[in-house]
């Protein structure tokens, strides 16, 4: 696995496209998050279908085709410096087939920000476009709106990426000791598993550092997810694992940890947990598609280059 093309960093005055590839959300929450971004000097712009709801399925923000068209338009428009998902939920996988990836591959890269259900879009941009992305909080998410540390870590990643090139949360804890270098990839682990075999998902880990987290999973379901990834060979040649938050996963964090060790420990690669990203407060930002060194003993992930140029 090689490092991907890095988009440019953001500067005050940049226009950023806000899309809804997943589910709907309260508009007032989005406005509160956009106000934070405006305070950074950005000009957020809602695409045509950002506030849509699906005519039949209340869990979707508009039709698959319209959500796909919004992403296509946002990435194709050279006046946008970044594309940002408003919130997660469910539905991103459904809109991917409505995007002309070949046409987008010819364009200049731009930053993409999102997490949770945005995971398939990260994979698609990484694999189909060869562009690094930003696993980070979204503006209609309550934690982003309310938590200053969450906001600041994303702001620094977008505007001053050198300042967060070393990611070292004080909560980090060693599961398997060691040190490894590889390209970061991953996201919400249940979405990674459900994407296996689709055109947007990579075939193998190929020496990469896997970034994983999830929300409201039972221990047996996490076991099933990781077993699926193992049996497909998707984790072959894995270099290391960085585990983030497991918010509201049951029956206990200790049992989730036991599943991680059981399903990943025999790869004999460094593994670190409680890395303060994903569905948690505060929630830090992790670049995907960038070469980095994981030191599980020290609890650090150091990017070889800044996330953005």
C-alpha atoms as a PDB file:
ATOM      1  CA  UNK A   1       0.000   0.000   0.000  1.00  0.00           C
ATOM      2  CA  UNK A   2       1.418   3.363  -1.039  1.00  0.00           C
ATOM      3  CA  UNK A   3       0.604   6.881   0.135  1.00  0.00           C
ATOM      4  CA  UNK A   4      -2.157   8.604  -1.790  1.00  0.00           C
ATOM      5  CA  UNK A   5      -2.340  12.041  -3.360  1.00  0.00           C
ATOM      6  CA  UNK A   6      -2.807  14.668  -0.679  1.00  0.00           C
ATOM      7  CA  UNK A   7      -5.169  17.620  -1.229  1.00  0.00           C
ATOM      8  CA  UNK A   8      -4.094  21.124  -0.314  1.00  0.00           C
ATOM      9  CA  UNK A   9      -4.710  22.561   3.139  1.00  0.00           C
ATOM     10  CA  UNK A  10      -7.540  25.011   3.703  1.00  0.00           C
ATOM     11  CA  UNK A  11      -7.149  28.754   4.145  1.00  0.00           C
ATOM     12  CA  UNK A  12      -9.534  31.445   5.318  1.00  0.00           C
ATOM     13  CA  UNK A  13     -11.974  32.340   2.564  1.00  0.00           C
ATOM     14  CA  UNK A  14     -12.207  28.817   1.138  1.00  0.00           C
ATOM     15  CA  UNK A  15     -15.594  27.559  -0.012  1.00  0.00           C
ATOM     16  CA  UNK A  16     -16.461  24.063   1.231  1.00  0.00           C
ATOM     17  CA  UNK A  17     -19.303  21.885  -0.059  1.00  0.00           C
ATOM     18  CA  UNK A  18     -21.679  20.329   2.499  1.00  0.00           C
ATOM     19  CA  UNK A  19     -23.342  17.121   1.319  1.00  0.00           C
ATOM     20  CA  UNK A  20     -25.645  14.486   2.842  1.00  0.00           C
ATOM     21  CA  UNK A  21     -24.623  11.077   1.469  1.00  0.00           C
ATOM     22  CA  UNK A  22     -26.319   9.246   4.357  1.00  0.00           C
ATOM     23  CA  UNK A  23     -29.319  10.154   6.509  1.00  0.00           C
ATOM     24  CA  UNK A  24     -31.234  13.336   7.365  1.00  0.00           C
ATOM     25  CA  UNK A  25     -30.718  15.461  10.470  1.00  0.00           C
ATOM     26  CA  UNK A  26     -32.217  18.496  12.240  1.00  0.00           C
ATOM     27  CA  UNK A  27     -31.350  21.578  10.130  1.00  0.00           C
ATOM     28  CA  UNK A  28     -30.716  23.664  13.260  1.00  0.00           C
ATOM     29  CA  UNK A  29     -27.907  21.312  14.276  1.00  0.00           C
ATOM     30  CA  UNK A  30     -26.289  21.695  10.871  1.00  0.00           C
ATOM     31  CA  UNK A  31     -26.467  25.475  11.112  1.00  0.00           C
ATOM     32  CA  UNK A  32     -24.791  25.390  14.515  1.00  0.00           C
ATOM     33  CA  UNK A  33     -21.940  23.309  13.095  1.00  0.00           C
ATOM     34  CA  UNK A  34     -21.618  25.531  10.047  1.00  0.00           C
ATOM     35  CA  UNK A  35     -21.345  28.551  12.336  1.00  0.00           C
ATOM     36  CA  UNK A  36     -18.249  26.933  13.860  1.00  0.00           C
ATOM     37  CA  UNK A  37     -16.758  26.530  10.389  1.00  0.00           C
ATOM     38  CA  UNK A  38     -17.627  30.116   9.511  1.00  0.00           C
ATOM     39  CA  UNK A  39     -15.722  31.212  12.615  1.00  0.00           C
ATOM     40  CA  UNK A  40     -12.662  29.551  11.031  1.00  0.00           C
ATOM     41  CA  UNK A  41     -13.071  31.774   7.956  1.00  0.00           C
ATOM     42  CA  UNK A  42     -14.652  29.103   5.739  1.00  0.00           C
ATOM     43  CA  UNK A  43     -17.669  29.599   3.493  1.00  0.00           C
ATOM     44  CA  UNK A  44     -19.811  26.447   3.758  1.00  0.00           C
ATOM     45  CA  UNK A  45     -22.231  25.892   0.867  1.00  0.00           C
ATOM     46  CA  UNK A  46     -25.117  23.424   0.930  1.00  0.00           C
ATOM     47  CA  UNK A  47     -25.498  21.360  -2.229  1.00  0.00           C
ATOM     48  CA  UNK A  48     -28.912  21.098  -3.901  1.00  0.00           C
ATOM     49  CA  UNK A  49     -30.073  18.018  -1.991  1.00  0.00           C
ATOM     50  CA  UNK A  50     -28.316  18.435   1.371  1.00  0.00           C
ATOM     51  CA  UNK A  51     -31.565  19.013   3.246  1.00  0.00           C
ATOM     52  CA  UNK A  52     -33.676  16.493   1.312  1.00  0.00           C
ATOM     53  CA  UNK A  53     -35.548  13.561   2.795  1.00  0.00           C
ATOM     54  CA  UNK A  54     -36.360  10.374   0.914  1.00  0.00           C
ATOM     55  CA  UNK A  55     -40.000  10.086  -0.256  1.00  0.00           C
ATOM     56  CA  UNK A  56     -40.300   6.530   1.155  1.00  0.00           C
ATOM     57  CA  UNK A  57     -37.415   5.772   3.534  1.00  0.00           C
ATOM     58  CA  UNK A  58     -37.091   8.224   6.408  1.00  0.00           C
ATOM     59  CA  UNK A  59     -33.552   7.042   7.169  1.00  0.00           C
ATOM     60  CA  UNK A  60     -32.212   8.429   3.858  1.00  0.00           C
ATOM     61  CA  UNK A  61     -31.425  12.056   3.024  1.00  0.00           C
ATOM     62  CA  UNK A  62     -33.034  12.114  -0.413  1.00  0.00           C
ATOM     63  CA  UNK A  63     -32.778   9.638  -3.257  1.00  0.00           C
ATOM     64  CA  UNK A  64     -29.611   7.677  -3.980  1.00  0.00           C
ATOM     65  CA  UNK A  65     -29.220   9.383  -7.351  1.00  0.00           C
ATOM     66  CA  UNK A  66     -29.581  12.875  -5.897  1.00  0.00           C
ATOM     67  CA  UNK A  67     -27.115  12.179  -3.098  1.00  0.00           C
ATOM     68  CA  UNK A  68     -24.663  10.812  -5.654  1.00  0.00           C
ATOM     69  CA  UNK A  69     -25.171  13.832  -7.907  1.00  0.00           C
ATOM     70  CA  UNK A  70     -24.417  16.179  -5.031  1.00  0.00           C
ATOM     71  CA  UNK A  71     -21.101  14.456  -4.353  1.00  0.00           C
ATOM     72  CA  UNK A  72     -20.247  14.465  -8.065  1.00  0.00           C
ATOM     73  CA  UNK A  73     -21.060  18.161  -8.342  1.00  0.00           C
ATOM     74  CA  UNK A  74     -19.114  19.069  -5.207  1.00  0.00           C
ATOM     75  CA  UNK A  75     -15.973  17.205  -6.267  1.00  0.00           C
ATOM     76  CA  UNK A  76     -16.193  18.531  -9.829  1.00  0.00           C
ATOM     77  CA  UNK A  77     -16.560  22.189  -8.847  1.00  0.00           C
ATOM     78  CA  UNK A  78     -13.072  23.778  -8.694  1.00  0.00           C
ATOM     79  CA  UNK A  79     -14.355  26.579  -6.467  1.00  0.00           C
ATOM     80  CA  UNK A  80     -14.753  24.117  -3.582  1.00  0.00           C
ATOM     81  CA  UNK A  81     -11.609  23.389  -1.563  1.00  0.00           C
ATOM     82  CA  UNK A  82     -13.223  20.549   0.404  1.00  0.00           C
ATOM     83  CA  UNK A  83     -16.258  18.281   0.571  1.00  0.00           C
ATOM     84  CA  UNK A  84     -17.721  17.615   4.030  1.00  0.00           C
ATOM     85  CA  UNK A  85     -20.439  15.182   5.036  1.00  0.00           C
ATOM     86  CA  UNK A  86     -23.089  16.858   7.169  1.00  0.00           C
ATOM     87  CA  UNK A  87     -23.710  13.754   9.277  1.00  0.00           C
ATOM     88  CA  UNK A  88     -23.692   9.963   9.166  1.00  0.00           C
ATOM     89  CA  UNK A  89     -26.542   7.522   9.700  1.00  0.00           C
ATOM     90  CA  UNK A  90     -27.054   5.101   6.830  1.00  0.00           C
ATOM     91  CA  UNK A  91     -27.075   5.265   3.048  1.00  0.00           C
ATOM     92  CA  UNK A  92     -23.621   6.117   1.720  1.00  0.00           C
ATOM     93  CA  UNK A  93     -23.141   2.677   0.168  1.00  0.00           C
ATOM     94  CA  UNK A  94     -26.356   3.136  -1.800  1.00  0.00           C
ATOM     95  CA  UNK A  95     -25.208   6.336  -3.541  1.00  0.00           C
ATOM     96  CA  UNK A  96     -21.741   5.192  -4.645  1.00  0.00           C
ATOM     97  CA  UNK A  97     -22.986   3.597  -7.871  1.00  0.00           C
ATOM     98  CA  UNK A  98     -24.424   6.967  -8.914  1.00  0.00           C
ATOM     99  CA  UNK A  99     -20.982   8.586  -9.059  1.00  0.00           C
ATOM    100  CA  UNK A 100     -18.859   8.672 -12.243  1.00  0.00           C
ATOM    101  CA  UNK A 101     -15.568   7.802 -10.557  1.00  0.00           C
ATOM    102  CA  UNK A 102     -13.602   7.734 -13.809  1.00  0.00           C
ATOM    103  CA  UNK A 103     -14.530  11.343 -14.547  1.00  0.00           C
ATOM    104  CA  UNK A 104     -13.581  12.448 -11.027  1.00  0.00           C
ATOM    105  CA  UNK A 105     -10.204  10.699 -11.153  1.00  0.00           C
ATOM    106  CA  UNK A 106      -9.001  13.236 -13.713  1.00  0.00           C
ATOM    107  CA  UNK A 107      -9.634  16.182 -11.380  1.00  0.00           C
ATOM    108  CA  UNK A 108      -7.446  17.841  -8.786  1.00  0.00           C
ATOM    109  CA  UNK A 109      -7.820  16.265  -5.319  1.00  0.00           C
ATOM    110  CA  UNK A 110      -9.657  18.042  -2.532  1.00  0.00           C
ATOM    111  CA  UNK A 111     -10.115  17.328   1.150  1.00  0.00           C
ATOM    112  CA  UNK A 112     -12.990  15.094   2.195  1.00  0.00           C
ATOM    113  CA  UNK A 113     -14.152  15.001   5.836  1.00  0.00           C
ATOM    114  CA  UNK A 114     -16.534  12.546   7.518  1.00  0.00           C
ATOM    115  CA  UNK A 115     -16.732   9.394   9.627  1.00  0.00           C
ATOM    116  CA  UNK A 116     -19.140   6.618  10.658  1.00  0.00           C
ATOM    117  CA  UNK A 117     -21.380   5.930   7.618  1.00  0.00           C
ATOM    118  CA  UNK A 118     -18.920   8.022   5.603  1.00  0.00           C
ATOM    119  CA  UNK A 119     -16.516   5.049   5.739  1.00  0.00           C
ATOM    120  CA  UNK A 120     -17.537   3.690   2.287  1.00  0.00           C
ATOM    121  CA  UNK A 121     -16.964   7.141   0.811  1.00  0.00           C
ATOM    122  CA  UNK A 122     -13.487   7.266   2.357  1.00  0.00           C
ATOM    123  CA  UNK A 123     -12.760   3.874   0.796  1.00  0.00           C
ATOM    124  CA  UNK A 124     -14.126   4.972  -2.578  1.00  0.00           C
ATOM    125  CA  UNK A 125     -12.104   8.189  -2.644  1.00  0.00           C
ATOM    126  CA  UNK A 126      -8.968   6.343  -1.494  1.00  0.00           C
ATOM    127  CA  UNK A 127      -9.355   3.400  -3.902  1.00  0.00           C
ATOM    128  CA  UNK A 128     -11.153   4.901  -6.904  1.00  0.00           C
ATOM    129  CA  UNK A 129      -9.533   8.355  -6.911  1.00  0.00           C
ATOM    130  CA  UNK A 130      -6.209   7.641  -5.191  1.00  0.00           C
ATOM    131  CA  UNK A 131      -6.756  10.582  -2.824  1.00  0.00           C
ATOM    132  CA  UNK A 132      -6.095  10.744   0.934  1.00  0.00           C
ATOM    133  CA  UNK A 133      -9.044  11.702   3.150  1.00  0.00           C
ATOM    134  CA  UNK A 134      -9.822  13.003   6.639  1.00  0.00           C
ATOM    135  CA  UNK A 135     -11.626  10.771   9.158  1.00  0.00           C
ATOM    136  CA  UNK A 136     -13.118  13.490  11.293  1.00  0.00           C
ATOM    137  CA  UNK A 137     -16.236  14.954  12.941  1.00  0.00           C
ATOM    138  CA  UNK A 138     -19.137  16.335  10.917  1.00  0.00           C
ATOM    139  CA  UNK A 139     -20.928  19.668  11.414  1.00  0.00           C
ATOM    140  CA  UNK A 140     -24.431  18.314  12.234  1.00  0.00           C
ATOM    141  CA  UNK A 141     -23.044  15.983  14.923  1.00  0.00           C
ATOM    142  CA  UNK A 142     -23.773  17.103  18.503  1.00  0.00           C
ATOM    143  CA  UNK A 143     -20.232  16.371  19.725  1.00  0.00           C
ATOM    144  CA  UNK A 144     -18.738  18.631  17.048  1.00  0.00           C
ATOM    145  CA  UNK A 145     -21.159  21.418  17.913  1.00  0.00           C
ATOM    146  CA  UNK A 146     -20.551  21.235  21.671  1.00  0.00           C
ATOM    147  CA  UNK A 147     -16.944  20.089  22.161  1.00  0.00           C
ATOM    148  CA  UNK A 148     -14.144  22.590  21.619  1.00  0.00           C
ATOM    149  CA  UNK A 149     -11.359  20.002  21.597  1.00  0.00           C
ATOM    150  CA  UNK A 150     -13.117  18.071  18.830  1.00  0.00           C
ATOM    151  CA  UNK A 151     -13.488  21.260  16.805  1.00  0.00           C
ATOM    152  CA  UNK A 152      -9.889  22.359  17.317  1.00  0.00           C
ATOM    153  CA  UNK A 153      -8.304  19.070  16.304  1.00  0.00           C
ATOM    154  CA  UNK A 154     -10.208  19.133  13.014  1.00  0.00           C
ATOM    155  CA  UNK A 155      -9.400  22.808  12.455  1.00  0.00           C
ATOM    156  CA  UNK A 156      -5.689  22.192  12.971  1.00  0.00           C
ATOM    157  CA  UNK A 157      -5.750  19.196  10.629  1.00  0.00           C
ATOM    158  CA  UNK A 158      -7.385  21.266   7.891  1.00  0.00           C
ATOM    159  CA  UNK A 159      -5.474  24.544   8.323  1.00  0.00           C
ATOM    160  CA  UNK A 160      -2.232  23.674  10.175  1.00  0.00           C
ATOM    161  CA  UNK A 161      -1.636  19.968   9.495  1.00  0.00           C
ATOM    162  CA  UNK A 162       1.992  20.064  10.713  1.00  0.00           C
ATOM    163  CA  UNK A 163       0.742  20.903  14.203  1.00  0.00           C
ATOM    164  CA  UNK A 164      -1.087  17.555  14.506  1.00  0.00           C
ATOM    165  CA  UNK A 165       1.337  15.357  12.603  1.00  0.00           C
ATOM    166  CA  UNK A 166       1.974  13.491  15.862  1.00  0.00           C
ATOM    167  CA  UNK A 167      -1.230  12.029  17.272  1.00  0.00           C
ATOM    168  CA  UNK A 168      -0.737  10.993  20.885  1.00  0.00           C
ATOM    169  CA  UNK A 169      -3.863  10.912  23.047  1.00  0.00           C
ATOM    170  CA  UNK A 170      -3.216  10.475  26.747  1.00  0.00           C
ATOM    171  CA  UNK A 171      -5.848   7.733  26.821  1.00  0.00           C
ATOM    172  CA  UNK A 172      -3.908   5.473  24.402  1.00  0.00           C
ATOM    173  CA  UNK A 173      -3.220   1.994  25.728  1.00  0.00           C
ATOM    174  CA  UNK A 174      -1.034  -0.813  24.358  1.00  0.00           C
ATOM    175  CA  UNK A 175      -2.759  -4.065  23.411  1.00  0.00           C
ATOM    176  CA  UNK A 176       0.122  -5.610  21.463  1.00  0.00           C
ATOM    177  CA  UNK A 177       3.534  -3.930  21.732  1.00  0.00           C
ATOM    178  CA  UNK A 178       5.694  -3.000  18.787  1.00  0.00           C
ATOM    179  CA  UNK A 179       6.369  -0.427  16.117  1.00  0.00           C
ATOM    180  CA  UNK A 180       5.341  -0.409  12.444  1.00  0.00           C
ATOM    181  CA  UNK A 181       5.152   1.907   9.459  1.00  0.00           C
ATOM    182  CA  UNK A 182       2.375   1.807   6.874  1.00  0.00           C
ATOM    183  CA  UNK A 183      -0.377   3.770   5.157  1.00  0.00           C
ATOM    184  CA  UNK A 184      -3.447   4.492   7.276  1.00  0.00           C
ATOM    185  CA  UNK A 185      -6.819   3.159   6.141  1.00  0.00           C
ATOM    186  CA  UNK A 186     -10.148   2.142   7.659  1.00  0.00           C
ATOM    187  CA  UNK A 187     -13.026   3.718   9.559  1.00  0.00           C
ATOM    188  CA  UNK A 188     -16.161   2.245  11.090  1.00  0.00           C
ATOM    189  CA  UNK A 189     -15.365  -1.475  11.167  1.00  0.00           C
ATOM    190  CA  UNK A 190     -18.906  -2.724  10.480  1.00  0.00           C
ATOM    191  CA  UNK A 191     -18.987  -0.611   7.308  1.00  0.00           C
ATOM    192  CA  UNK A 192     -15.578  -1.934   6.252  1.00  0.00           C
ATOM    193  CA  UNK A 193     -16.879  -5.486   6.610  1.00  0.00           C
ATOM    194  CA  UNK A 194     -20.093  -4.825   4.690  1.00  0.00           C
ATOM    195  CA  UNK A 195     -18.120  -3.287   1.837  1.00  0.00           C
ATOM    196  CA  UNK A 196     -15.994  -6.368   1.150  1.00  0.00           C
ATOM    197  CA  UNK A 197     -16.269  -7.399  -2.507  1.00  0.00           C
ATOM    198  CA  UNK A 198     -17.578  -4.052  -3.753  1.00  0.00           C
ATOM    199  CA  UNK A 199     -15.663  -1.990  -6.351  1.00  0.00           C
ATOM    200  CA  UNK A 200     -14.887   0.749  -3.816  1.00  0.00           C
ATOM    201  CA  UNK A 201     -13.105  -1.472  -1.292  1.00  0.00           C
ATOM    202  CA  UNK A 202      -9.419  -2.390  -1.452  1.00  0.00           C
ATOM    203  CA  UNK A 203      -8.548  -6.057  -1.898  1.00  0.00           C
ATOM    204  CA  UNK A 204      -5.962  -6.388   0.894  1.00  0.00           C
ATOM    205  CA  UNK A 205      -4.423  -4.459   3.776  1.00  0.00           C
ATOM    206  CA  UNK A 206      -1.033  -4.712   2.012  1.00  0.00           C
ATOM    207  CA  UNK A 207       1.105  -3.425   4.856  1.00  0.00           C
ATOM    208  CA  UNK A 208      -1.369  -0.752   5.952  1.00  0.00           C
ATOM    209  CA  UNK A 209      -2.190   0.522   9.436  1.00  0.00           C
ATOM    210  CA  UNK A 210      -5.847  -0.260  10.128  1.00  0.00           C
ATOM    211  CA  UNK A 211      -7.887   2.474  11.835  1.00  0.00           C
ATOM    212  CA  UNK A 212     -11.109   1.091  13.396  1.00  0.00           C
ATOM    213  CA  UNK A 213     -13.964   2.081  15.710  1.00  0.00           C
ATOM    214  CA  UNK A 214     -17.704   1.485  15.991  1.00  0.00           C
ATOM    215  CA  UNK A 215     -20.896   2.316  17.846  1.00  0.00           C
ATOM    216  CA  UNK A 216     -23.511   0.210  19.673  1.00  0.00           C
ATOM    217  CA  UNK A 217     -22.138  -3.188  18.660  1.00  0.00           C
ATOM    218  CA  UNK A 218     -22.473  -6.338  20.745  1.00  0.00           C
ATOM    219  CA  UNK A 219     -19.319  -8.352  21.426  1.00  0.00           C
ATOM    220  CA  UNK A 220     -20.516 -11.255  19.252  1.00  0.00           C
ATOM    221  CA  UNK A 221     -21.329  -8.913  16.360  1.00  0.00           C
ATOM    222  CA  UNK A 222     -17.859  -7.361  16.530  1.00  0.00           C
ATOM    223  CA  UNK A 223     -16.486 -10.913  16.582  1.00  0.00           C
ATOM    224  CA  UNK A 224     -18.490 -11.695  13.436  1.00  0.00           C
ATOM    225  CA  UNK A 225     -17.308  -8.500  11.704  1.00  0.00           C
ATOM    226  CA  UNK A 226     -13.629  -9.177  12.408  1.00  0.00           C
ATOM    227  CA  UNK A 227     -13.984 -12.860  11.540  1.00  0.00           C
ATOM    228  CA  UNK A 228     -15.455 -11.884   8.168  1.00  0.00           C
ATOM    229  CA  UNK A 229     -12.516  -9.561   7.495  1.00  0.00           C
ATOM    230  CA  UNK A 230     -10.068 -12.317   8.505  1.00  0.00           C
ATOM    231  CA  UNK A 231     -11.642 -15.051   6.380  1.00  0.00           C
ATOM    232  CA  UNK A 232     -11.750 -12.935   3.211  1.00  0.00           C
ATOM    233  CA  UNK A 233      -8.004 -12.333   3.486  1.00  0.00           C
ATOM    234  CA  UNK A 234      -8.653  -8.599   3.660  1.00  0.00           C
ATOM    235  CA  UNK A 235      -6.332  -8.252   6.656  1.00  0.00           C
ATOM    236  CA  UNK A 236      -3.445 -10.180   5.082  1.00  0.00           C
ATOM    237  CA  UNK A 237      -0.108  -8.345   5.414  1.00  0.00           C
ATOM    238  CA  UNK A 238      -1.519  -5.965   8.006  1.00  0.00           C
ATOM    239  CA  UNK A 239       1.148  -3.725   9.561  1.00  0.00           C
ATOM    240  CA  UNK A 240      -0.661  -2.472  12.677  1.00  0.00           C
ATOM    241  CA  UNK A 241      -4.001  -1.556  14.243  1.00  0.00           C
ATOM    242  CA  UNK A 242      -5.199   1.662  15.877  1.00  0.00           C
ATOM    243  CA  UNK A 243      -8.505   1.197  17.710  1.00  0.00           C
ATOM    244  CA  UNK A 244     -10.569   4.220  18.629  1.00  0.00           C
ATOM    245  CA  UNK A 245     -13.821   4.388  20.556  1.00  0.00           C
ATOM    246  CA  UNK A 246     -16.436   1.655  21.119  1.00  0.00           C
ATOM    247  CA  UNK A 247     -19.183   3.885  22.457  1.00  0.00           C
ATOM    248  CA  UNK A 248     -22.217   1.987  23.811  1.00  0.00           C
ATOM    249  CA  UNK A 249     -20.763  -1.342  22.698  1.00  0.00           C
ATOM    250  CA  UNK A 250     -21.875  -4.191  24.941  1.00  0.00           C
ATOM    251  CA  UNK A 251     -21.672  -5.938  27.324  1.00  0.00           C
ATOM    252  CA  UNK A 252     -18.543  -4.098  28.504  1.00  0.00           C
ATOM    253  CA  UNK A 253     -15.404  -2.441  27.229  1.00  0.00           C
ATOM    254  CA  UNK A 254     -13.369  -5.278  28.752  1.00  0.00           C
ATOM    255  CA  UNK A 255     -15.260  -7.808  26.638  1.00  0.00           C
ATOM    256  CA  UNK A 256     -14.789  -5.704  23.477  1.00  0.00           C
ATOM    257  CA  UNK A 257     -11.066  -5.584  24.252  1.00  0.00           C
ATOM    258  CA  UNK A 258     -11.039  -9.367  24.610  1.00  0.00           C
ATOM    259  CA  UNK A 259     -12.621  -9.746  21.165  1.00  0.00           C
ATOM    260  CA  UNK A 260     -10.037  -7.409  19.618  1.00  0.00           C
ATOM    261  CA  UNK A 261      -7.177  -9.410  21.107  1.00  0.00           C
ATOM    262  CA  UNK A 262      -8.724 -12.740  20.101  1.00  0.00           C
ATOM    263  CA  UNK A 263      -9.488 -11.740  16.506  1.00  0.00           C
ATOM    264  CA  UNK A 264      -6.454  -9.504  15.778  1.00  0.00           C
ATOM    265  CA  UNK A 265      -3.732 -10.501  18.250  1.00  0.00           C
ATOM    266  CA  UNK A 266      -2.423 -13.457  16.237  1.00  0.00           C
ATOM    267  CA  UNK A 267      -1.411 -11.177  13.365  1.00  0.00           C
ATOM    268  CA  UNK A 268       1.548 -10.286  15.615  1.00  0.00           C
ATOM    269  CA  UNK A 269       1.422  -6.603  14.698  1.00  0.00           C
ATOM    270  CA  UNK A 270       1.391  -3.620  17.086  1.00  0.00           C
ATOM    271  CA  UNK A 271      -2.088  -2.742  18.336  1.00  0.00           C
ATOM    272  CA  UNK A 272      -3.076   0.305  20.365  1.00  0.00           C
ATOM    273  CA  UNK A 273      -6.541   1.083  21.772  1.00  0.00           C
ATOM    274  CA  UNK A 274      -8.523   3.978  23.247  1.00  0.00           C
ATOM    275  CA  UNK A 275      -7.105   6.344  20.643  1.00  0.00           C
ATOM    276  CA  UNK A 276      -9.814   9.010  21.043  1.00  0.00           C
ATOM    277  CA  UNK A 277     -11.459   9.005  17.602  1.00  0.00           C
ATOM    278  CA  UNK A 278     -14.864   7.953  16.338  1.00  0.00           C
ATOM    279  CA  UNK A 279     -18.148   8.149  18.269  1.00  0.00           C
ATOM    280  CA  UNK A 280     -16.675   9.665  21.428  1.00  0.00           C
ATOM    281  CA  UNK A 281     -16.176  12.990  23.178  1.00  0.00           C
ATOM    282  CA  UNK A 282     -13.726  14.470  22.441  1.00  0.00           C
ATOM    283  CA  UNK A 283     -13.260  12.961  18.996  1.00  0.00           C
ATOM    284  CA  UNK A 284      -9.958  13.551  17.234  1.00  0.00           C
ATOM    285  CA  UNK A 285      -9.244  13.599  13.515  1.00  0.00           C
ATOM    286  CA  UNK A 286      -7.248  10.842  11.776  1.00  0.00           C
ATOM    287  CA  UNK A 287      -5.976  11.165   8.178  1.00  0.00           C
ATOM    288  CA  UNK A 288      -6.476   8.136   5.910  1.00  0.00           C
ATOM    289  CA  UNK A 289      -4.184   7.290   3.013  1.00  0.00           C
ATOM    290  CA  UNK A 290      -1.034   8.811   4.562  1.00  0.00           C
ATOM    291  CA  UNK A 291       2.135   6.951   5.546  1.00  0.00           C
ATOM    292  CA  UNK A 292       2.600   6.905   9.318  1.00  0.00           C
ATOM    293  CA  UNK A 293       4.547   5.163  12.078  1.00  0.00           C
ATOM    294  CA  UNK A 294       2.626   3.481  14.879  1.00  0.00           C
ATOM    295  CA  UNK A 295       4.434   3.030  18.200  1.00  0.00           C
ATOM    296  CA  UNK A 296       2.080   0.934  20.293  1.00  0.00           C
ATOM    297  CA  UNK A 297       4.351   1.101  23.340  1.00  0.00           C
ATOM    298  CA  UNK A 298       4.417   4.912  23.330  1.00  0.00           C
ATOM    299  CA  UNK A 299       0.770   5.196  22.210  1.00  0.00           C
ATOM    300  CA  UNK A 300       1.602   7.428  19.242  1.00  0.00           C
ATOM    301  CA  UNK A 301       0.800   7.617  15.542  1.00  0.00           C
ATOM    302  CA  UNK A 302       3.202   9.936  13.709  1.00  0.00           C
ATOM    303  CA  UNK A 303       2.416  10.904  10.123  1.00  0.00           C
ATOM    304  CA  UNK A 304       5.430  10.881   7.816  1.00  0.00           C
ATOM    305  CA  UNK A 305       4.006  13.966   6.072  1.00  0.00           C
ATOM    306  CA  UNK A 306       1.221  16.384   7.000  1.00  0.00           C
ATOM    307  CA  UNK A 307      -2.284  15.230   6.092  1.00  0.00           C
ATOM    308  CA  UNK A 308      -2.659  18.076   3.575  1.00  0.00           C
ATOM    309  CA  UNK A 309      -0.063  19.819   1.449  1.00  0.00           C
END
